[in-house]
Amino acid sequence: MSTFKKPVIGITSNLNKNSSDVPILQLGQAYVAAVQKAGGLPLVIPIGMKTSNLDALLSNLDGVLLSGGGDIDPALFGGISHPRV
């Protein structure tokens, strides 16, 4: 848990490339605004972090917001796949 007076909420990011083919992190402003509107402090979680660093980061957050993207395979968390996933 964080030591801030407001909850710190990590928001997952996406990886894209700019017009010069340089990799960039991307996150829709609406996610940041929603966390702020709810009284939280948004923190962008960079994609591709080493597991040990990610574990250290996550242990200091009060919550995580999974931003948009493709479907997550239910098998990753012990679920059963659905034909439309």
PDB file of N, CA and C in Angstrom:
ATOM      1  N   MET A   1       0.827  -1.189   0.000  1.00  0.00           N
ATOM      2  CA  MET A   1       0.000   0.000   0.000  1.00  0.00           C
ATOM      3  C   MET A   1       0.875   1.257   0.000  1.00  0.00           C
ATOM      4  N   SER A   2       0.348   2.289  -0.614  1.00  0.00           N
ATOM      5  CA  SER A   2       1.120   3.527  -0.733  1.00  0.00           C
ATOM      6  C   SER A   2       1.073   4.333   0.561  1.00  0.00           C
ATOM      7  N   THR A   3       1.965   5.297   0.657  1.00  0.00           N
ATOM      8  CA  THR A   3       2.006   6.172   1.824  1.00  0.00           C
ATOM      9  C   THR A   3       1.350   7.518   1.543  1.00  0.00           C
ATOM     10  N   PHE A   4       0.739   7.668   0.358  1.00  0.00           N
ATOM     11  CA  PHE A   4       0.055   8.906   0.009  1.00  0.00           C
ATOM     12  C   PHE A   4      -1.302   8.964   0.703  1.00  0.00           C
ATOM     13  N   LYS A   5      -1.865  10.163   0.826  1.00  0.00           N
ATOM     14  CA  LYS A   5      -3.171  10.318   1.454  1.00  0.00           C
ATOM     15  C   LYS A   5      -4.297   9.896   0.526  1.00  0.00           C
ATOM     16  N   LYS A   6      -3.994   9.800  -0.755  1.00  0.00           N
ATOM     17  CA  LYS A   6      -4.969   9.328  -1.737  1.00  0.00           C
ATOM     18  C   LYS A   6      -4.496   7.970  -2.253  1.00  0.00           C
ATOM     19  N   PRO A   7      -5.434   7.109  -2.671  1.00  0.00           N
ATOM     20  CA  PRO A   7      -5.008   5.818  -3.214  1.00  0.00           C
ATOM     21  C   PRO A   7      -4.255   5.978  -4.537  1.00  0.00           C
ATOM     22  N   VAL A   8      -3.152   5.254  -4.663  1.00  0.00           N
ATOM     23  CA  VAL A   8      -2.370   5.261  -5.894  1.00  0.00           C
ATOM     24  C   VAL A   8      -2.849   4.082  -6.745  1.00  0.00           C
ATOM     25  N   ILE A   9      -3.309   4.401  -7.937  1.00  0.00           N
ATOM     26  CA  ILE A   9      -3.869   3.400  -8.833  1.00  0.00           C
ATOM     27  C   ILE A   9      -2.991   3.268 -10.071  1.00  0.00           C
ATOM     28  N   GLY A  10      -2.416   2.084 -10.264  1.00  0.00           N
ATOM     29  CA  GLY A  10      -1.621   1.823 -11.450  1.00  0.00           C
ATOM     30  C   GLY A  10      -2.527   1.555 -12.638  1.00  0.00           C
ATOM     31  N   ILE A  11      -2.155   2.080 -13.790  1.00  0.00           N
ATOM     32  CA  ILE A  11      -2.926   1.880 -15.016  1.00  0.00           C
ATOM     33  C   ILE A  11      -2.002   1.253 -16.047  1.00  0.00           C
ATOM     34  N   THR A  12      -2.411   0.112 -16.588  1.00  0.00           N
ATOM     35  CA  THR A  12      -1.587  -0.552 -17.595  1.00  0.00           C
ATOM     36  C   THR A  12      -1.544   0.277 -18.871  1.00  0.00           C
ATOM     37  N   SER A  13      -0.421   0.175 -19.580  1.00  0.00           N
ATOM     38  CA  SER A  13      -0.234   0.940 -20.815  1.00  0.00           C
ATOM     39  C   SER A  13      -0.121  -0.013 -22.004  1.00  0.00           C
ATOM     40  N   ASN A  14      -0.125   0.553 -23.179  1.00  0.00           N
ATOM     41  CA  ASN A  14       0.051  -0.200 -24.418  1.00  0.00           C
ATOM     42  C   ASN A  14       1.335   0.240 -25.092  1.00  0.00           C
ATOM     43  N   LEU A  15       1.880  -0.599 -25.940  1.00  0.00           N
ATOM     44  CA  LEU A  15       3.067  -0.266 -26.707  1.00  0.00           C
ATOM     45  C   LEU A  15       2.657  -0.040 -28.148  1.00  0.00           C
ATOM     46  N   ASN A  16       3.096   1.050 -28.718  1.00  0.00           N
ATOM     47  CA  ASN A  16       2.794   1.392 -30.099  1.00  0.00           C
ATOM     48  C   ASN A  16       4.063   1.978 -30.706  1.00  0.00           C
ATOM     49  N   LYS A  17       3.999   2.392 -31.945  1.00  0.00           N
ATOM     50  CA  LYS A  17       5.138   3.056 -32.587  1.00  0.00           C
ATOM     51  C   LYS A  17       4.674   4.377 -33.170  1.00  0.00           C
ATOM     52  N   ASN A  18       5.533   5.386 -33.087  1.00  0.00           N
ATOM     53  CA  ASN A  18       5.183   6.680 -33.664  1.00  0.00           C
ATOM     54  C   ASN A  18       5.484   6.673 -35.160  1.00  0.00           C
ATOM     55  N   SER A  19       5.326   7.807 -35.803  1.00  0.00           N
ATOM     56  CA  SER A  19       5.508   7.895 -37.257  1.00  0.00           C
ATOM     57  C   SER A  19       6.942   7.590 -37.690  1.00  0.00           C
ATOM     58  N   SER A  20       7.895   7.698 -36.771  1.00  0.00           N
ATOM     59  CA  SER A  20       9.298   7.376 -37.082  1.00  0.00           C
ATOM     60  C   SER A  20       9.646   5.943 -36.692  1.00  0.00           C
ATOM     61  N   ASP A  21       8.629   5.138 -36.381  1.00  0.00           N
ATOM     62  CA  ASP A  21       8.792   3.740 -36.005  1.00  0.00           C
ATOM     63  C   ASP A  21       9.513   3.570 -34.670  1.00  0.00           C
ATOM     64  N   VAL A  22       9.438   4.581 -33.807  1.00  0.00           N
ATOM     65  CA  VAL A  22      10.034   4.527 -32.478  1.00  0.00           C
ATOM     66  C   VAL A  22       8.979   4.027 -31.496  1.00  0.00           C
ATOM     67  N   PRO A  23       9.283   3.002 -30.693  1.00  0.00           N
ATOM     68  CA  PRO A  23       8.311   2.497 -29.724  1.00  0.00           C
ATOM     69  C   PRO A  23       7.935   3.571 -28.696  1.00  0.00           C
ATOM     70  N   ILE A  24       6.643   3.668 -28.405  1.00  0.00           N
ATOM     71  CA  ILE A  24       6.147   4.612 -27.405  1.00  0.00           C
ATOM     72  C   ILE A  24       5.125   3.920 -26.514  1.00  0.00           C
ATOM     73  N   LEU A  25       5.065   4.356 -25.255  1.00  0.00           N
ATOM     74  CA  LEU A  25       4.005   3.901 -24.363  1.00  0.00           C
ATOM     75  C   LEU A  25       2.782   4.742 -24.647  1.00  0.00           C
ATOM     76  N   GLN A  26       1.618   4.118 -24.543  1.00  0.00           N
ATOM     77  CA  GLN A  26       0.392   4.827 -24.867  1.00  0.00           C
ATOM     78  C   GLN A  26      -0.675   4.506 -23.829  1.00  0.00           C
ATOM     79  N   LEU A  27      -1.445   5.512 -23.457  1.00  0.00           N
ATOM     80  CA  LEU A  27      -2.546   5.344 -22.520  1.00  0.00           C
ATOM     81  C   LEU A  27      -3.573   6.432 -22.794  1.00  0.00           C
ATOM     82  N   GLY A  28      -4.810   6.034 -22.915  1.00  0.00           N
ATOM     83  CA  GLY A  28      -5.878   7.011 -23.134  1.00  0.00           C
ATOM     84  C   GLY A  28      -6.056   7.919 -21.923  1.00  0.00           C
ATOM     85  N   GLN A  29      -6.203   9.201 -22.170  1.00  0.00           N
ATOM     86  CA  GLN A  29      -6.364  10.194 -21.106  1.00  0.00           C
ATOM     87  C   GLN A  29      -7.603   9.916 -20.261  1.00  0.00           C
ATOM     88  N   ALA A  30      -8.609   9.275 -20.837  1.00  0.00           N
ATOM     89  CA  ALA A  30      -9.843   8.997 -20.099  1.00  0.00           C
ATOM     90  C   ALA A  30      -9.581   8.125 -18.870  1.00  0.00           C
ATOM     91  N   TYR A  31      -8.612   7.203 -18.958  1.00  0.00           N
ATOM     92  CA  TYR A  31      -8.285   6.360 -17.803  1.00  0.00           C
ATOM     93  C   TYR A  31      -7.699   7.204 -16.669  1.00  0.00           C
ATOM     94  N   VAL A  32      -6.790   8.091 -17.011  1.00  0.00           N
ATOM     95  CA  VAL A  32      -6.174   8.976 -16.017  1.00  0.00           C
ATOM     96  C   VAL A  32      -7.234   9.871 -15.388  1.00  0.00           C
ATOM     97  N   ALA A  33      -8.091  10.440 -16.222  1.00  0.00           N
ATOM     98  CA  ALA A  33      -9.145  11.332 -15.727  1.00  0.00           C
ATOM     99  C   ALA A  33     -10.112  10.593 -14.804  1.00  0.00           C
ATOM    100  N   ALA A  34     -10.443   9.353 -15.132  1.00  0.00           N
ATOM    101  CA  ALA A  34     -11.379   8.581 -14.305  1.00  0.00           C
ATOM    102  C   ALA A  34     -10.797   8.309 -12.918  1.00  0.00           C
ATOM    103  N   VAL A  35      -9.517   7.964 -12.866  1.00  0.00           N
ATOM    104  CA  VAL A  35      -8.879   7.719 -11.567  1.00  0.00           C
ATOM    105  C   VAL A  35      -8.850   9.001 -10.748  1.00  0.00           C
ATOM    106  N   GLN A  36      -8.511  10.120 -11.384  1.00  0.00           N
ATOM    107  CA  GLN A  36      -8.478  11.403 -10.675  1.00  0.00           C
ATOM    108  C   GLN A  36      -9.873  11.798 -10.201  1.00  0.00           C
ATOM    109  N   LYS A  37     -10.873  11.610 -11.030  1.00  0.00           N
ATOM    110  CA  LYS A  37     -12.249  11.965 -10.666  1.00  0.00           C
ATOM    111  C   LYS A  37     -12.728  11.145  -9.463  1.00  0.00           C
ATOM    112  N   ALA A  38     -12.240   9.911  -9.372  1.00  0.00           N
ATOM    113  CA  ALA A  38     -12.611   9.045  -8.258  1.00  0.00           C
ATOM    114  C   ALA A  38     -11.791   9.324  -6.996  1.00  0.00           C
ATOM    115  N   GLY A  39     -10.847  10.276  -7.085  1.00  0.00           N
ATOM    116  CA  GLY A  39     -10.063  10.654  -5.914  1.00  0.00           C
ATOM    117  C   GLY A  39      -8.726   9.957  -5.791  1.00  0.00           C
ATOM    118  N   GLY A  40      -8.312   9.263  -6.841  1.00  0.00           N
ATOM    119  CA  GLY A  40      -7.044   8.545  -6.793  1.00  0.00           C
ATOM    120  C   GLY A  40      -5.921   9.282  -7.487  1.00  0.00           C
ATOM    121  N   LEU A  41      -4.710   8.783  -7.300  1.00  0.00           N
ATOM    122  CA  LEU A  41      -3.527   9.291  -7.978  1.00  0.00           C
ATOM    123  C   LEU A  41      -3.130   8.259  -9.035  1.00  0.00           C
ATOM    124  N   PRO A  42      -3.248   8.606 -10.322  1.00  0.00           N
ATOM    125  CA  PRO A  42      -2.906   7.642 -11.376  1.00  0.00           C
ATOM    126  C   PRO A  42      -1.406   7.492 -11.550  1.00  0.00           C
ATOM    127  N   LEU A  43      -0.976   6.259 -11.815  1.00  0.00           N
ATOM    128  CA  LEU A  43       0.422   5.971 -12.092  1.00  0.00           C
ATOM    129  C   LEU A  43       0.443   5.015 -13.284  1.00  0.00           C
ATOM    130  N   VAL A  44       1.093   5.420 -14.360  1.00  0.00           N
ATOM    131  CA  VAL A  44       1.141   4.601 -15.571  1.00  0.00           C
ATOM    132  C   VAL A  44       2.150   3.470 -15.370  1.00  0.00           C
ATOM    133  N   ILE A  45       1.705   2.236 -15.607  1.00  0.00           N
ATOM    134  CA  ILE A  45       2.570   1.068 -15.504  1.00  0.00           C
ATOM    135  C   ILE A  45       3.135   0.792 -16.892  1.00  0.00           C
ATOM    136  N   PRO A  46       4.458   0.912 -17.058  1.00  0.00           N
ATOM    137  CA  PRO A  46       5.029   0.666 -18.373  1.00  0.00           C
ATOM    138  C   PRO A  46       4.967  -0.812 -18.746  1.00  0.00           C
ATOM    139  N   ILE A  47       4.687  -1.079 -19.991  1.00  0.00           N
ATOM    140  CA  ILE A  47       4.633  -2.452 -20.488  1.00  0.00           C
ATOM    141  C   ILE A  47       6.064  -2.984 -20.636  1.00  0.00           C
ATOM    142  N   GLY A  48       6.242  -4.267 -20.400  1.00  0.00           N
ATOM    143  CA  GLY A  48       7.537  -4.891 -20.601  1.00  0.00           C
ATOM    144  C   GLY A  48       8.484  -4.838 -19.415  1.00  0.00           C
ATOM    145  N   MET A  49       7.980  -4.509 -18.233  1.00  0.00           N
ATOM    146  CA  MET A  49       8.844  -4.477 -17.048  1.00  0.00           C
ATOM    147  C   MET A  49       9.273  -5.887 -16.663  1.00  0.00           C
ATOM    148  N   LYS A  50      10.468  -6.011 -16.076  1.00  0.00           N
ATOM    149  CA  LYS A  50      10.894  -7.295 -15.525  1.00  0.00           C
ATOM    150  C   LYS A  50       9.939  -7.671 -14.400  1.00  0.00           C
ATOM    151  N   THR A  51       9.700  -8.964 -14.251  1.00  0.00           N
ATOM    152  CA  THR A  51       8.746  -9.442 -13.246  1.00  0.00           C
ATOM    153  C   THR A  51       9.100  -8.963 -11.852  1.00  0.00           C
ATOM    154  N   SER A  52      10.376  -8.987 -11.489  1.00  0.00           N
ATOM    155  CA  SER A  52      10.776  -8.560 -10.141  1.00  0.00           C
ATOM    156  C   SER A  52      10.459  -7.078  -9.924  1.00  0.00           C
ATOM    157  N   ASN A  53      10.684  -6.252 -10.940  1.00  0.00           N
ATOM    158  CA  ASN A  53      10.371  -4.826 -10.817  1.00  0.00           C
ATOM    159  C   ASN A  53       8.862  -4.605 -10.776  1.00  0.00           C
ATOM    160  N   LEU A  54       8.139  -5.361 -11.569  1.00  0.00           N
ATOM    161  CA  LEU A  54       6.685  -5.233 -11.581  1.00  0.00           C
ATOM    162  C   LEU A  54       6.104  -5.642 -10.238  1.00  0.00           C
ATOM    163  N   ASP A  55       6.605  -6.728  -9.666  1.00  0.00           N
ATOM    164  CA  ASP A  55       6.142  -7.156  -8.340  1.00  0.00           C
ATOM    165  C   ASP A  55       6.384  -6.072  -7.295  1.00  0.00           C
ATOM    166  N   ALA A  56       7.564  -5.443  -7.348  1.00  0.00           N
ATOM    167  CA  ALA A  56       7.889  -4.372  -6.398  1.00  0.00           C
ATOM    168  C   ALA A  56       6.951  -3.184  -6.575  1.00  0.00           C
ATOM    169  N   LEU A  57       6.662  -2.838  -7.826  1.00  0.00           N
ATOM    170  CA  LEU A  57       5.759  -1.723  -8.105  1.00  0.00           C
ATOM    171  C   LEU A  57       4.347  -2.038  -7.619  1.00  0.00           C
ATOM    172  N   LEU A  58       3.848  -3.214  -7.995  1.00  0.00           N
ATOM    173  CA  LEU A  58       2.476  -3.575  -7.633  1.00  0.00           C
ATOM    174  C   LEU A  58       2.262  -3.637  -6.126  1.00  0.00           C
ATOM    175  N   SER A  59       3.282  -4.031  -5.384  1.00  0.00           N
ATOM    176  CA  SER A  59       3.132  -4.126  -3.927  1.00  0.00           C
ATOM    177  C   SER A  59       2.979  -2.753  -3.277  1.00  0.00           C
ATOM    178  N   ASN A  60       3.272  -1.689  -4.018  1.00  0.00           N
ATOM    179  CA  ASN A  60       3.146  -0.334  -3.486  1.00  0.00           C
ATOM    180  C   ASN A  60       1.917   0.404  -4.009  1.00  0.00           C
ATOM    181  N   LEU A  61       1.087  -0.288  -4.770  1.00  0.00           N
ATOM    182  CA  LEU A  61      -0.128   0.330  -5.302  1.00  0.00           C
ATOM    183  C   LEU A  61      -1.329  -0.058  -4.459  1.00  0.00           C
ATOM    184  N   ASP A  62      -2.342   0.800  -4.494  1.00  0.00           N
ATOM    185  CA  ASP A  62      -3.593   0.501  -3.800  1.00  0.00           C
ATOM    186  C   ASP A  62      -4.593  -0.199  -4.717  1.00  0.00           C
ATOM    187  N   GLY A  63      -4.345  -0.153  -6.014  1.00  0.00           N
ATOM    188  CA  GLY A  63      -5.222  -0.804  -6.980  1.00  0.00           C
ATOM    189  C   GLY A  63      -4.613  -0.738  -8.362  1.00  0.00           C
ATOM    190  N   VAL A  64      -5.174  -1.522  -9.270  1.00  0.00           N
ATOM    191  CA  VAL A  64      -4.711  -1.551 -10.655  1.00  0.00           C
ATOM    192  C   VAL A  64      -5.918  -1.466 -11.574  1.00  0.00           C
ATOM    193  N   LEU A  65      -5.819  -0.604 -12.574  1.00  0.00           N
ATOM    194  CA  LEU A  65      -6.839  -0.470 -13.609  1.00  0.00           C
ATOM    195  C   LEU A  65      -6.264  -1.052 -14.888  1.00  0.00           C
ATOM    196  N   LEU A  66      -6.911  -2.095 -15.410  1.00  0.00           N
ATOM    197  CA  LEU A  66      -6.461  -2.712 -16.652  1.00  0.00           C
ATOM    198  C   LEU A  66      -7.081  -1.949 -17.810  1.00  0.00           C
ATOM    199  N   SER A  67      -6.232  -1.236 -18.544  1.00  0.00           N
ATOM    200  CA  SER A  67      -6.739  -0.441 -19.665  1.00  0.00           C
ATOM    201  C   SER A  67      -7.117  -1.361 -20.821  1.00  0.00           C
ATOM    202  N   GLY A  68      -7.785  -0.811 -21.815  1.00  0.00           N
ATOM    203  CA  GLY A  68      -8.300  -1.594 -22.934  1.00  0.00           C
ATOM    204  C   GLY A  68      -7.247  -2.384 -23.666  1.00  0.00           C
ATOM    205  N   GLY A  69      -7.701  -3.355 -24.391  1.00  0.00           N
ATOM    206  CA  GLY A  69      -6.803  -4.200 -25.160  1.00  0.00           C
ATOM    207  C   GLY A  69      -7.518  -5.475 -25.550  1.00  0.00           C
ATOM    208  N   GLY A  70      -6.765  -6.432 -26.009  1.00  0.00           N
ATOM    209  CA  GLY A  70      -7.334  -7.707 -26.410  1.00  0.00           C
ATOM    210  C   GLY A  70      -7.825  -8.507 -25.210  1.00  0.00           C
ATOM    211  N   ASP A  71      -8.594  -9.530 -25.500  1.00  0.00           N
ATOM    212  CA  ASP A  71      -9.086 -10.406 -24.442  1.00  0.00           C
ATOM    213  C   ASP A  71      -7.924 -11.132 -23.777  1.00  0.00           C
ATOM    214  N   ILE A  72      -8.055 -11.357 -22.487  1.00  0.00           N
ATOM    215  CA  ILE A  72      -7.058 -12.096 -21.725  1.00  0.00           C
ATOM    216  C   ILE A  72      -7.501 -13.549 -21.683  1.00  0.00           C
ATOM    217  N   ASP A  73      -6.598 -14.461 -21.986  1.00  0.00           N
ATOM    218  CA  ASP A  73      -6.911 -15.886 -21.988  1.00  0.00           C
ATOM    219  C   ASP A  73      -7.295 -16.318 -20.579  1.00  0.00           C
ATOM    220  N   PRO A  74      -8.517 -16.827 -20.371  1.00  0.00           N
ATOM    221  CA  PRO A  74      -8.947 -17.260 -19.037  1.00  0.00           C
ATOM    222  C   PRO A  74      -8.046 -18.334 -18.433  1.00  0.00           C
ATOM    223  N   ALA A  75      -7.347 -19.112 -19.264  1.00  0.00           N
ATOM    224  CA  ALA A  75      -6.451 -20.149 -18.751  1.00  0.00           C
ATOM    225  C   ALA A  75      -5.336 -19.555 -17.892  1.00  0.00           C
ATOM    226  N   LEU A  76      -5.007 -18.277 -18.112  1.00  0.00           N
ATOM    227  CA  LEU A  76      -3.947 -17.628 -17.335  1.00  0.00           C
ATOM    228  C   LEU A  76      -4.321 -17.482 -15.869  1.00  0.00           C
ATOM    229  N   PHE A  77      -5.625 -17.488 -15.559  1.00  0.00           N
ATOM    230  CA  PHE A  77      -6.041 -17.382 -14.171  1.00  0.00           C
ATOM    231  C   PHE A  77      -6.973 -18.526 -13.772  1.00  0.00           C
ATOM    232  N   GLY A  78      -6.774 -19.693 -14.408  1.00  0.00           N
ATOM    233  CA  GLY A  78      -7.504 -20.900 -14.025  1.00  0.00           C
ATOM    234  C   GLY A  78      -8.911 -20.990 -14.573  1.00  0.00           C
ATOM    235  N   GLY A  79      -9.281 -20.134 -15.520  1.00  0.00           N
ATOM    236  CA  GLY A  79     -10.618 -20.160 -16.087  1.00  0.00           C
ATOM    237  C   GLY A  79     -10.718 -21.074 -17.300  1.00  0.00           C
ATOM    238  N   ILE A  80     -11.915 -21.185 -17.803  1.00  0.00           N
ATOM    239  CA  ILE A  80     -12.180 -22.012 -18.975  1.00  0.00           C
ATOM    240  C   ILE A  80     -12.448 -21.096 -20.157  1.00  0.00           C
ATOM    241  N   SER A  81     -11.825 -21.406 -21.294  1.00  0.00           N
ATOM    242  CA  SER A  81     -12.004 -20.577 -22.500  1.00  0.00           C
ATOM    243  C   SER A  81     -13.422 -20.697 -23.037  1.00  0.00           C
ATOM    244  N   HIS A  82     -13.892 -19.614 -23.602  1.00  0.00           N
ATOM    245  CA  HIS A  82     -15.198 -19.557 -24.251  1.00  0.00           C
ATOM    246  C   HIS A  82     -14.937 -19.458 -25.757  1.00  0.00           C
ATOM    247  N   PRO A  83     -15.784 -20.061 -26.595  1.00  0.00           N
ATOM    248  CA  PRO A  83     -15.552 -20.040 -28.047  1.00  0.00           C
ATOM    249  C   PRO A  83     -15.377 -18.643 -28.638  1.00  0.00           C
ATOM    250  N   ARG A  84     -15.936 -17.612 -28.022  1.00  0.00           N
ATOM    251  CA  ARG A  84     -15.832 -16.261 -28.574  1.00  0.00           C
ATOM    252  C   ARG A  84     -14.678 -15.460 -27.990  1.00  0.00           C
ATOM    253  N   VAL A  85     -13.863 -16.091 -27.132  1.00  0.00           N
ATOM    254  CA  VAL A  85     -12.711 -15.389 -26.540  1.00  0.00           C
ATOM    255  C   VAL A  85     -11.457 -15.775 -27.301  1.00  0.00           C
TER     256      VAL A  85
END
